[in-house]
C-alpha atoms as a PDB file:
ATOM      1  CA  MET A   1      43.079 118.436 109.213  1.00  0.00           C
ATOM      2  CA  PRO A   2      45.958 117.970 111.359  1.00  0.00           C
ATOM      3  CA  PRO A   3      47.856 114.731 110.544  1.00  0.00           C
ATOM      4  CA  LEU A   4      47.387 110.707 111.833  1.00  0.00           C
ATOM      5  CA  ALA A   5      49.926 110.447 114.972  1.00  0.00           C
ATOM      6  CA  ALA A   6      51.904 107.038 113.544  1.00  0.00           C
ATOM      7  CA  ARG A   7      51.360 104.258 115.755  1.00  0.00           C
ATOM      8  CA  PRO A   8      54.135 103.118 117.734  1.00  0.00           C
ATOM      9  CA  ALA A   9      56.147  99.648 116.137  1.00  0.00           C
ATOM     10  CA  PRO A  10      55.854  96.904 118.775  1.00  0.00           C
ATOM     11  CA  SER A  11      59.144  96.470 120.211  1.00  0.00           C
ATOM     12  CA  LEU A  12      61.365  93.497 120.025  1.00  0.00           C
ATOM     13  CA  PRO A  13      61.194  91.964 123.230  1.00  0.00           C
ATOM     14  CA  ARG A  14      57.204  91.888 123.561  1.00  0.00           C
ATOM     15  CA  LEU A  15      57.049  89.629 120.203  1.00  0.00           C
ATOM     16  CA  ALA A  16      59.796  86.996 121.802  1.00  0.00           C
ATOM     17  CA  ALA A  17      57.475  87.300 125.370  1.00  0.00           C
ATOM     18  CA  ALA A  18      54.590  86.212 122.428  1.00  0.00           C
ATOM     19  CA  LEU A  19      56.584  83.654 120.607  1.00  0.00           C
ATOM     20  CA  LEU A  20      57.289  82.299 123.568  1.00  0.00           C
ATOM     21  CA  LEU A  21      53.873  81.711 125.098  1.00  0.00           C
ATOM     22  CA  GLY A  22      52.475  80.297 122.033  1.00  0.00           C
ATOM     23  CA  LEU A  23      55.292  77.728 121.338  1.00  0.00           C
ATOM     24  CA  GLY A  24      54.871  76.889 125.001  1.00  0.00           C
ATOM     25  CA  LEU A  25      51.458  76.024 124.858  1.00  0.00           C
ATOM     26  CA  LEU A  26      52.011  73.962 121.487  1.00  0.00           C
ATOM     27  CA  LEU A  27      54.513  72.136 123.462  1.00  0.00           C
ATOM     28  CA  VAL A  28      52.297  71.393 126.633  1.00  0.00           C
ATOM     29  CA  ALA A  29      49.114  70.594 124.687  1.00  0.00           C
ATOM     30  CA  PRO A  30      50.208  67.429 123.321  1.00  0.00           C
ATOM     31  CA  GLY A  31      51.922  66.048 127.056  1.00  0.00           C
ATOM     32  CA  THR A  32      48.709  66.934 128.744  1.00  0.00           C
ATOM     33  CA  ALA A  33      46.317  64.706 125.724  1.00  0.00           C
ATOM     34  CA  SER A  34      48.871  61.823 126.346  1.00  0.00           C
ATOM     35  CA  ALA A  35      48.780  61.605 130.536  1.00  0.00           C
ATOM     36  CA  HIS A  36      46.067  59.451 130.424  1.00  0.00           C
ATOM     37  CA  THR A  37      46.152  56.721 133.461  1.00  0.00           C
ATOM     38  CA  GLY A  38      46.915  53.772 132.314  1.00  0.00           C
ATOM     39  CA  LEU A  39      47.894  49.798 133.953  1.00  0.00           C
ATOM     40  CA  ARG A  40      51.797  49.799 135.119  1.00  0.00           C
ATOM     41  CA  THR A  41      51.788  46.363 136.485  1.00  0.00           C
ATOM     42  CA  THR A  42      50.170  42.974 137.253  1.00  0.00           C
ATOM     43  CA  ASP A  43      50.552  40.265 140.059  1.00  0.00           C
ATOM     44  CA  PRO A  44      50.828  37.571 138.532  1.00  0.00           C
ATOM     45  CA  ALA A  45      52.469  39.525 135.799  1.00  0.00           C
ATOM     46  CA  ALA A  46      51.396  39.364 132.131  1.00  0.00           C
ATOM     47  CA  ASP A  47      52.057  35.721 130.074  1.00  0.00           C
ATOM     48  CA  SER A  48      54.288  34.945 132.952  1.00  0.00           C
ATOM     49  CA  THR A  49      54.074  31.262 135.079  1.00  0.00           C
ATOM     50  CA  VAL A  50      53.581  30.744 138.448  1.00  0.00           C
ATOM     51  CA  THR A  51      54.745  27.961 140.443  1.00  0.00           C
ATOM     52  CA  SER A  52      52.921  28.850 143.763  1.00  0.00           C
ATOM     53  CA  THR A  53      49.259  29.579 144.351  1.00  0.00           C
ATOM     54  CA  PRO A  54      48.160  33.147 144.103  1.00  0.00           C
ATOM     55  CA  GLN A  55      44.970  34.018 146.821  1.00  0.00           C
ATOM     56  CA  ALA A  56      44.607  37.550 144.444  1.00  0.00           C
ATOM     57  CA  VAL A  57      45.479  39.138 141.103  1.00  0.00           C
ATOM     58  CA  THR A  58      46.597  42.498 141.667  1.00  0.00           C
ATOM     59  CA  LEU A  59      46.172  45.159 138.992  1.00  0.00           C
ATOM     60  CA  THR A  60      47.788  48.555 139.720  1.00  0.00           C
ATOM     61  CA  PHE A  61      47.802  51.766 137.252  1.00  0.00           C
ATOM     62  CA  SER A  62      49.796  54.725 137.013  1.00  0.00           C
ATOM     63  CA  ALA A  63      46.891  56.945 138.634  1.00  0.00           C
ATOM     64  CA  SER A  64      44.356  56.805 141.086  1.00  0.00           C
ATOM     65  CA  VAL A  65      41.068  55.131 139.592  1.00  0.00           C
ATOM     66  CA  LEU A  66      37.243  55.714 140.589  1.00  0.00           C
ATOM     67  CA  GLY A  67      37.105  51.998 140.704  1.00  0.00           C
ATOM     68  CA  GLY A  68      36.996  48.344 138.235  1.00  0.00           C
ATOM     69  CA  ASP A  69      35.810  44.864 137.508  1.00  0.00           C
ATOM     70  CA  VAL A  70      38.193  42.001 137.382  1.00  0.00           C
ATOM     71  CA  THR A  71      37.252  38.635 136.022  1.00  0.00           C
ATOM     72  CA  VAL A  72      39.565  36.249 135.928  1.00  0.00           C
ATOM     73  CA  THR A  73      38.516  32.275 134.355  1.00  0.00           C
ATOM     74  CA  GLY A  74      40.305  29.115 134.853  1.00  0.00           C
ATOM     75  CA  PRO A  75      41.376  26.828 132.019  1.00  0.00           C
ATOM     76  CA  ASP A  76      38.306  25.822 131.322  1.00  0.00           C
ATOM     77  CA  GLY A  77      36.441  29.130 131.101  1.00  0.00           C
ATOM     78  CA  SER A  78      34.671  28.595 134.735  1.00  0.00           C
ATOM     79  CA  PRO A  79      35.354  31.943 137.116  1.00  0.00           C
ATOM     80  CA  VAL A  80      37.503  31.379 139.802  1.00  0.00           C
ATOM     81  CA  GLY A  81      36.886  33.978 141.947  1.00  0.00           C
ATOM     82  CA  THR A  82      35.541  33.966 145.161  1.00  0.00           C
ATOM     83  CA  GLY A  83      34.954  37.681 146.462  1.00  0.00           C
ATOM     84  CA  PRO A  84      34.170  41.086 145.220  1.00  0.00           C
ATOM     85  CA  VAL A  85      36.851  43.724 144.115  1.00  0.00           C
ATOM     86  CA  ALA A  86      39.152  45.804 146.757  1.00  0.00           C
ATOM     87  CA  HIS A  87      40.063  49.069 145.386  1.00  0.00           C
ATOM     88  CA  ASP A  88      42.824  51.279 147.362  1.00  0.00           C
ATOM     89  CA  GLY A  89      43.492  54.166 145.041  1.00  0.00           C
ATOM     90  CA  ALA A  90      45.673  53.011 141.686  1.00  0.00           C
ATOM     91  CA  VAL A  91      45.636  49.394 142.909  1.00  0.00           C
ATOM     92  CA  LEU A  92      42.690  46.824 142.031  1.00  0.00           C
ATOM     93  CA  ILE A  93      42.725  43.155 143.760  1.00  0.00           C
ATOM     94  CA  ALA A  94      40.144  40.572 142.929  1.00  0.00           C
ATOM     95  CA  PRO A  95      40.107  37.837 145.875  1.00  0.00           C
ATOM     96  CA  VAL A  96      40.613  33.916 143.869  1.00  0.00           C
ATOM     97  CA  ALA A  97      41.285  30.412 144.290  1.00  0.00           C
ATOM     98  CA  LEU A  98      42.837  28.760 141.583  1.00  0.00           C
ATOM     99  CA  THR A  99      42.149  24.707 141.702  1.00  0.00           C
ATOM    100  CA  ALA A 100      43.741  23.548 138.265  1.00  0.00           C
ATOM    101  CA  ALA A 101      46.891  24.398 136.130  1.00  0.00           C
ATOM    102  CA  GLY A 102      47.040  25.571 133.432  1.00  0.00           C
ATOM    103  CA  ARG A 103      45.876  29.085 131.259  1.00  0.00           C
ATOM    104  CA  HIS A 104      43.990  31.309 133.390  1.00  0.00           C
ATOM    105  CA  THR A 105      42.913  34.442 132.025  1.00  0.00           C
ATOM    106  CA  VAL A 106      42.280  38.367 133.569  1.00  0.00           C
ATOM    107  CA  THR A 107      39.412  40.485 131.822  1.00  0.00           C
ATOM    108  CA  TRP A 108      39.441  44.154 133.585  1.00  0.00           C
ATOM    109  CA  SER A 109      37.946  47.597 133.530  1.00  0.00           C
ATOM    110  CA  ALA A 110      38.546  50.770 135.443  1.00  0.00           C
ATOM    111  CA  VAL A 111      37.518  54.166 135.093  1.00  0.00           C
ATOM    112  CA  SER A 112      40.250  56.746 135.527  1.00  0.00           C
ATOM    113  CA  ASP A 113      40.004  60.156 137.859  1.00  0.00           C
ATOM    114  CA  ASP A 114      39.369  62.125 134.571  1.00  0.00           C
ATOM    115  CA  GLY A 115      36.606  60.131 133.398  1.00  0.00           C
ATOM    116  CA  HIS A 116      37.887  57.877 130.948  1.00  0.00           C
ATOM    117  CA  ALA A 117      37.210  54.452 130.493  1.00  0.00           C
ATOM    118  CA  LEU A 118      39.891  51.522 130.507  1.00  0.00           C
ATOM    119  CA  ASP A 119      39.681  48.150 130.033  1.00  0.00           C
ATOM    120  CA  GLY A 120      42.130  45.240 128.799  1.00  0.00           C
ATOM    121  CA  THR A 121      42.500  41.302 129.272  1.00  0.00           C
ATOM    122  CA  PHE A 122      46.160  39.221 130.366  1.00  0.00           C
ATOM    123  CA  ALA A 123      46.778  35.932 130.845  1.00  0.00           C
ATOM    124  CA  PHE A 124      49.095  33.629 133.027  1.00  0.00           C
ATOM    125  CA  GLU A 125      50.202  30.169 133.468  1.00  0.00           C
ATOM    126  CA  HIS A 126      49.519  28.318 136.648  1.00  0.00           C
ATOM    127  CA  ALA A 127      52.023  25.170 137.129  1.00  0.00           C
ATOM    128  CA  PRO A 128      51.854  24.112 140.871  1.00  0.00           C
ATOM    129  CA  PRO A 129      54.211  21.653 141.736  1.00  0.00           C
ATOM    130  CA  VAL A 130      52.985  18.243 141.793  1.00  0.00           C
ATOM    131  CA  ALA A 131      53.379  15.557 144.974  1.00  0.00           C
ATOM    132  CA  ALA A 132      54.536  12.966 144.751  1.00  0.00           C
ATOM    133  CA  THR A 133      53.026   9.760 145.608  1.00  0.00           C
ATOM    134  CA  PRO A 134      53.608   7.642 148.034  1.00  0.00           C
ATOM    135  CA  SER A 135      54.901   3.881 147.613  1.00  0.00           C
ATOM    136  CA  PRO A 136      52.198   1.502 148.808  1.00  0.00           C
ATOM    137  CA  THR A 137      53.475  -0.094 152.296  1.00  0.00           C
ATOM    138  CA  PRO A 138      54.022  -4.306 151.326  1.00  0.00           C
ATOM    139  CA  ALA A 139      51.585  -6.309 153.756  1.00  0.00           C
ATOM    140  CA  PRO A 140      53.152  -8.674 156.033  1.00  0.00           C
ATOM    141  CA  ALA A 141      54.033 -12.075 155.464  1.00  0.00           C
ATOM    142  CA  PRO A 142      51.324 -14.630 156.786  1.00  0.00           C
ATOM    143  CA  THR A 143      52.174 -16.376 159.442  1.00  0.00           C
ATOM    144  CA  SER A 144      52.326 -20.244 159.041  1.00  0.00           C
ATOM    145  CA  THR A 145      49.682 -22.119 162.243  1.00  0.00           C
ATOM    146  CA  ALA A 146      50.405 -25.465 160.764  1.00  0.00           C
ATOM    147  CA  PRO A 147      51.472 -27.744 163.568  1.00  0.00           C
ATOM    148  CA  ALA A 148      54.598 -29.544 163.661  1.00  0.00           C
ATOM    149  CA  PRO A 149      55.567 -32.559 162.467  1.00  0.00           C
ATOM    150  CA  GLY A 150      54.704 -35.509 164.770  1.00  0.00           C
ATOM    151  CA  SER A 151      52.966 -33.341 166.812  1.00  0.00           C
ATOM    152  CA  ALA A 152      49.663 -33.767 165.231  1.00  0.00           C
ATOM    153  CA  GLU A 153      46.495 -34.386 167.213  1.00  0.00           C
ATOM    154  CA  PRO A 154      45.461 -38.152 165.631  1.00  0.00           C
ATOM    155  CA  SER A 155      41.915 -38.121 164.463  1.00  0.00           C
ATOM    156  CA  ALA A 156      39.133 -39.963 165.688  1.00  0.00           C
ATOM    157  CA  ALA A 157      39.019 -42.756 163.000  1.00  0.00           C
ATOM    158  CA  THR A 158      42.713 -43.275 163.981  1.00  0.00           C
ATOM    159  CA  ARG A 159      41.977 -44.028 167.733  1.00  0.00           C
ATOM    160  CA  THR A 160      39.133 -46.466 166.632  1.00  0.00           C
ATOM    161  CA  ALA A 161      41.426 -48.164 164.270  1.00  0.00           C
ATOM    162  CA  GLU A 162      43.851 -48.806 167.439  1.00  0.00           C
ATOM    163  CA  ARG A 163      41.676 -49.893 169.660  1.00  0.00           C
ATOM    164  CA  THR A 164      39.967 -52.234 167.216  1.00  0.00           C
ATOM    165  CA  GLU A 165      43.660 -53.369 166.368  1.00  0.00           C
ATOM    166  CA  ALA A 166      44.263 -53.957 170.399  1.00  0.00           C
ATOM    167  CA  ALA A 167      41.308 -56.169 171.032  1.00  0.00           C
ATOM    168  CA  ASP A 168      42.285 -58.015 167.952  1.00  0.00           C
ATOM    169  CA  ARG A 169      45.482 -59.068 169.521  1.00  0.00           C
ATOM    170  CA  ALA A 170      43.190 -59.218 172.776  1.00  0.00           C
ATOM    171  CA  ALA A 171      41.081 -61.807 170.836  1.00  0.00           C
ATOM    172  CA  ASP A 172      44.345 -63.808 169.319  1.00  0.00           C
ATOM    173  CA  ALA A 173      45.886 -64.080 172.944  1.00  0.00           C
ATOM    174  CA  ALA A 174      42.539 -65.665 174.677  1.00  0.00           C
ATOM    175  CA  ASP A 175      42.451 -67.832 171.690  1.00  0.00           C
ATOM    176  CA  ALA A 176      46.002 -69.324 171.745  1.00  0.00           C
ATOM    177  CA  ALA A 177      45.343 -69.903 175.575  1.00  0.00           C
ATOM    178  CA  ASP A 178      42.467 -72.024 174.528  1.00  0.00           C
ATOM    179  CA  GLY A 179      44.117 -73.800 172.163  1.00  0.00           C
ATOM    180  CA  ALA A 180      47.257 -74.371 174.928  1.00  0.00           C
ATOM    181  CA  ALA A 181      44.920 -75.534 177.859  1.00  0.00           C
ATOM    182  CA  GLU A 182      43.081 -77.810 175.505  1.00  0.00           C
ATOM    183  CA  ASP A 183      46.580 -79.798 174.587  1.00  0.00           C
ATOM    184  CA  GLY A 184      47.433 -80.485 178.231  1.00  0.00           C
ATOM    185  CA  GLY A 185      50.258 -77.795 177.998  1.00  0.00           C
ATOM    186  CA  THR A 186      49.042 -75.568 180.639  1.00  0.00           C
ATOM    187  CA  PRO A 187      47.095 -76.516 183.707  1.00  0.00           C
ATOM    188  CA  GLY A 188      43.327 -75.560 183.564  1.00  0.00           C
ATOM    189  CA  TRP A 189      43.498 -73.538 186.511  1.00  0.00           C
ATOM    190  CA  LEU A 190      46.352 -71.270 185.011  1.00  0.00           C
ATOM    191  CA  LEU A 191      44.661 -70.559 181.662  1.00  0.00           C
ATOM    192  CA  PRO A 192      41.966 -68.330 182.664  1.00  0.00           C
ATOM    193  CA  GLY A 193      44.529 -66.066 184.289  1.00  0.00           C
ATOM    194  CA  VAL A 194      46.748 -65.797 181.169  1.00  0.00           C
ATOM    195  CA  GLY A 195      44.377 -64.708 179.047  1.00  0.00           C
ATOM    196  CA  ALA A 196      42.598 -61.712 181.198  1.00  0.00           C
ATOM    197  CA  VAL A 197      46.441 -60.829 181.395  1.00  0.00           C
ATOM    198  CA  ALA A 198      46.659 -60.989 177.706  1.00  0.00           C
ATOM    199  CA  VAL A 199      43.342 -58.639 177.192  1.00  0.00           C
ATOM    200  CA  ALA A 200      44.371 -56.251 179.457  1.00  0.00           C
ATOM    201  CA  GLY A 201      48.465 -56.278 178.142  1.00  0.00           C
ATOM    202  CA  ALA A 202      46.826 -55.774 174.774  1.00  0.00           C
ATOM    203  CA  VAL A 203      44.371 -53.130 175.676  1.00  0.00           C
ATOM    204  CA  ALA A 204      46.995 -51.092 177.800  1.00  0.00           C
ATOM    205  CA  GLY A 205      48.872 -51.158 174.930  1.00  0.00           C
ATOM    206  CA  GLY A 206      46.165 -49.996 172.942  1.00  0.00           C
ATOM    207  CA  VAL A 207      45.600 -47.114 174.872  1.00  0.00           C
ATOM    208  CA  VAL A 208      49.637 -46.075 175.939  1.00  0.00           C
ATOM    209  CA  ILE A 209      49.757 -46.118 171.874  1.00  0.00           C
ATOM    210  CA  GLY A 210      46.905 -43.853 171.439  1.00  0.00           C
ATOM    211  CA  ARG A 211      48.138 -41.404 174.312  1.00  0.00           C
ATOM    212  CA  ARG A 212      52.100 -41.388 172.695  1.00  0.00           C
ATOM    213  CA  ARG A 213      50.250 -40.202 169.215  1.00  0.00           C
ATOM    214  CA  ARG A 214      48.651 -37.509 171.088  1.00  0.00           C
END
């Protein structure tokens, strides 16, 4: 029986190549496993304070996502979203209307291109500037409508008293004329005229006084 031929030993270059290939696989495998999609940035940023009023909350991922959902709640826990979430590659946009100051919470979920489910939560503070309260306009001072001194219209009682006083003076003048006639100091034919003149003068005086006071 002929002797068995000895197998040639593997060459050194082949052994080195095999070792390098195995080492490369070990190095690449962990990197591939850790390359999952994740949330990269948000607007507003997590734990930030915004003084303006954003119209939307934007989430940007490290790679494209298949879609997702975003819910934003105000300080009282009520949702403040105003429409469906928009999806554009690696970006999710949730329209909102912030009506109150305070802490707002964002809860989100998404699905990456490789099928992994993603989710998370973050918050931000909304602190809009306080509008200044306008000062009240002072009311105009009331305009006085009181009549000037001396220009007041005499009352009906005052005019009646003046006429009564004039009539009394006329009666006194007539009595005086009668008394003079009885004493013989004045001609009888002159006394009626004197009395009439006295009465007319007294009445005229009362009228003039009334007109002046008006």
